[in-house]
């Protein structure tokens, strides 16, 4: 699996919320320090990893989806 990058353009999203409070509650519940929040288009998306290219994100998505079914890729 390609190595995630801190500010990659493509994020593998594991959860999407209408408020930041909901997204932070998800973070608190799963307590994973690698997760981050991306605010885009009025939604707060919790992502597990970010990658520089779509190809890398697609490769990383499979491993993440093993633990978080429904994980999807969002472009920043």
C-alpha atoms as a PDB file:
ATOM      1  CA  UNK A   1       0.000   0.000   0.000  1.00  0.00           C
ATOM      2  CA  UNK A   2       1.335   3.479  -0.818  1.00  0.00           C
ATOM      3  CA  UNK A   3       2.314   5.559   2.156  1.00  0.00           C
ATOM      4  CA  UNK A   4      -0.208   8.282   3.105  1.00  0.00           C
ATOM      5  CA  UNK A   5       0.935  11.893   3.009  1.00  0.00           C
ATOM      6  CA  UNK A   6      -0.097  14.540   5.508  1.00  0.00           C
ATOM      7  CA  UNK A   7      -1.571  17.017   3.045  1.00  0.00           C
ATOM      8  CA  UNK A   8      -2.423  14.756   0.129  1.00  0.00           C
ATOM      9  CA  UNK A   9      -4.980  15.851  -2.422  1.00  0.00           C
ATOM     10  CA  UNK A  10      -7.029  12.626  -2.246  1.00  0.00           C
ATOM     11  CA  UNK A  11      -8.518  11.496   1.086  1.00  0.00           C
ATOM     12  CA  UNK A  12      -9.952   8.110   1.942  1.00  0.00           C
ATOM     13  CA  UNK A  13     -13.109   9.034   3.832  1.00  0.00           C
ATOM     14  CA  UNK A  14     -14.560   6.714   6.460  1.00  0.00           C
ATOM     15  CA  UNK A  15     -17.453   8.877   7.668  1.00  0.00           C
ATOM     16  CA  UNK A  16     -19.365  11.971   6.532  1.00  0.00           C
ATOM     17  CA  UNK A  17     -21.338  14.327   8.793  1.00  0.00           C
ATOM     18  CA  UNK A  18     -23.494  17.435   8.565  1.00  0.00           C
ATOM     19  CA  UNK A  19     -21.842  19.131  11.545  1.00  0.00           C
ATOM     20  CA  UNK A  20     -18.358  19.400  12.960  1.00  0.00           C
ATOM     21  CA  UNK A  21     -19.724  18.259  16.333  1.00  0.00           C
ATOM     22  CA  UNK A  22     -20.867  14.950  14.798  1.00  0.00           C
ATOM     23  CA  UNK A  23     -17.492  14.475  13.109  1.00  0.00           C
ATOM     24  CA  UNK A  24     -15.638  15.144  16.380  1.00  0.00           C
ATOM     25  CA  UNK A  25     -17.895  12.650  18.188  1.00  0.00           C
ATOM     26  CA  UNK A  26     -16.930  10.034  15.579  1.00  0.00           C
ATOM     27  CA  UNK A  27     -13.242  10.839  16.165  1.00  0.00           C
ATOM     28  CA  UNK A  28     -13.687  10.543  19.918  1.00  0.00           C
ATOM     29  CA  UNK A  29     -15.499   7.212  19.585  1.00  0.00           C
ATOM     30  CA  UNK A  30     -12.830   5.617  17.369  1.00  0.00           C
ATOM     31  CA  UNK A  31      -9.904   7.398  19.073  1.00  0.00           C
ATOM     32  CA  UNK A  32      -7.579   6.962  16.079  1.00  0.00           C
ATOM     33  CA  UNK A  33      -4.864   9.661  16.032  1.00  0.00           C
ATOM     34  CA  UNK A  34      -4.348   9.152  12.289  1.00  0.00           C
ATOM     35  CA  UNK A  35      -7.879  10.324  11.440  1.00  0.00           C
ATOM     36  CA  UNK A  36      -8.517  13.884  10.369  1.00  0.00           C
ATOM     37  CA  UNK A  37     -11.473  16.076   9.446  1.00  0.00           C
ATOM     38  CA  UNK A  38     -11.949  17.634   6.030  1.00  0.00           C
ATOM     39  CA  UNK A  39     -14.622  20.323   5.667  1.00  0.00           C
ATOM     40  CA  UNK A  40     -15.871  20.523   2.095  1.00  0.00           C
ATOM     41  CA  UNK A  41     -19.164  21.570   0.511  1.00  0.00           C
ATOM     42  CA  UNK A  42     -20.849  22.025   3.890  1.00  0.00           C
ATOM     43  CA  UNK A  43     -19.987  18.490   5.067  1.00  0.00           C
ATOM     44  CA  UNK A  44     -17.439  17.300   7.606  1.00  0.00           C
ATOM     45  CA  UNK A  45     -15.668  14.200   6.390  1.00  0.00           C
ATOM     46  CA  UNK A  46     -13.549  12.036   8.641  1.00  0.00           C
ATOM     47  CA  UNK A  47     -10.660  10.621   6.657  1.00  0.00           C
ATOM     48  CA  UNK A  48      -8.239   7.852   7.516  1.00  0.00           C
ATOM     49  CA  UNK A  49      -5.457   8.778   5.083  1.00  0.00           C
ATOM     50  CA  UNK A  50      -4.546  11.256   2.359  1.00  0.00           C
ATOM     51  CA  UNK A  51      -2.530  10.557  -0.774  1.00  0.00           C
ATOM     52  CA  UNK A  52      -0.851  12.591  -3.483  1.00  0.00           C
ATOM     53  CA  UNK A  53      -2.570  10.816  -6.402  1.00  0.00           C
ATOM     54  CA  UNK A  54      -5.851   9.061  -7.147  1.00  0.00           C
ATOM     55  CA  UNK A  55      -3.931   5.898  -7.997  1.00  0.00           C
ATOM     56  CA  UNK A  56      -2.292   5.834  -4.549  1.00  0.00           C
ATOM     57  CA  UNK A  57      -5.606   6.598  -2.827  1.00  0.00           C
ATOM     58  CA  UNK A  58      -7.323   3.764  -4.689  1.00  0.00           C
ATOM     59  CA  UNK A  59      -4.602   1.351  -3.588  1.00  0.00           C
ATOM     60  CA  UNK A  60      -4.890   2.508   0.040  1.00  0.00           C
ATOM     61  CA  UNK A  61      -8.685   2.459   0.018  1.00  0.00           C
ATOM     62  CA  UNK A  62      -8.845  -1.340  -0.062  1.00  0.00           C
ATOM     63  CA  UNK A  63      -6.929  -1.797   3.166  1.00  0.00           C
ATOM     64  CA  UNK A  64      -8.889   0.943   4.934  1.00  0.00           C
ATOM     65  CA  UNK A  65     -12.228  -0.458   3.701  1.00  0.00           C
ATOM     66  CA  UNK A  66     -11.372  -3.775   5.376  1.00  0.00           C
ATOM     67  CA  UNK A  67     -11.961  -2.014   8.715  1.00  0.00           C
ATOM     68  CA  UNK A  68     -14.377   0.667   7.512  1.00  0.00           C
ATOM     69  CA  UNK A  69     -16.698  -0.748   4.820  1.00  0.00           C
ATOM     70  CA  UNK A  70     -17.934   1.936   2.505  1.00  0.00           C
ATOM     71  CA  UNK A  71     -14.715   3.984   2.669  1.00  0.00           C
ATOM     72  CA  UNK A  72     -14.540   6.246  -0.372  1.00  0.00           C
ATOM     73  CA  UNK A  73     -12.168   8.735  -1.975  1.00  0.00           C
ATOM     74  CA  UNK A  74     -12.727  12.492  -1.828  1.00  0.00           C
ATOM     75  CA  UNK A  75     -10.627  15.074  -3.627  1.00  0.00           C
ATOM     76  CA  UNK A  76      -9.715  18.110  -1.523  1.00  0.00           C
END
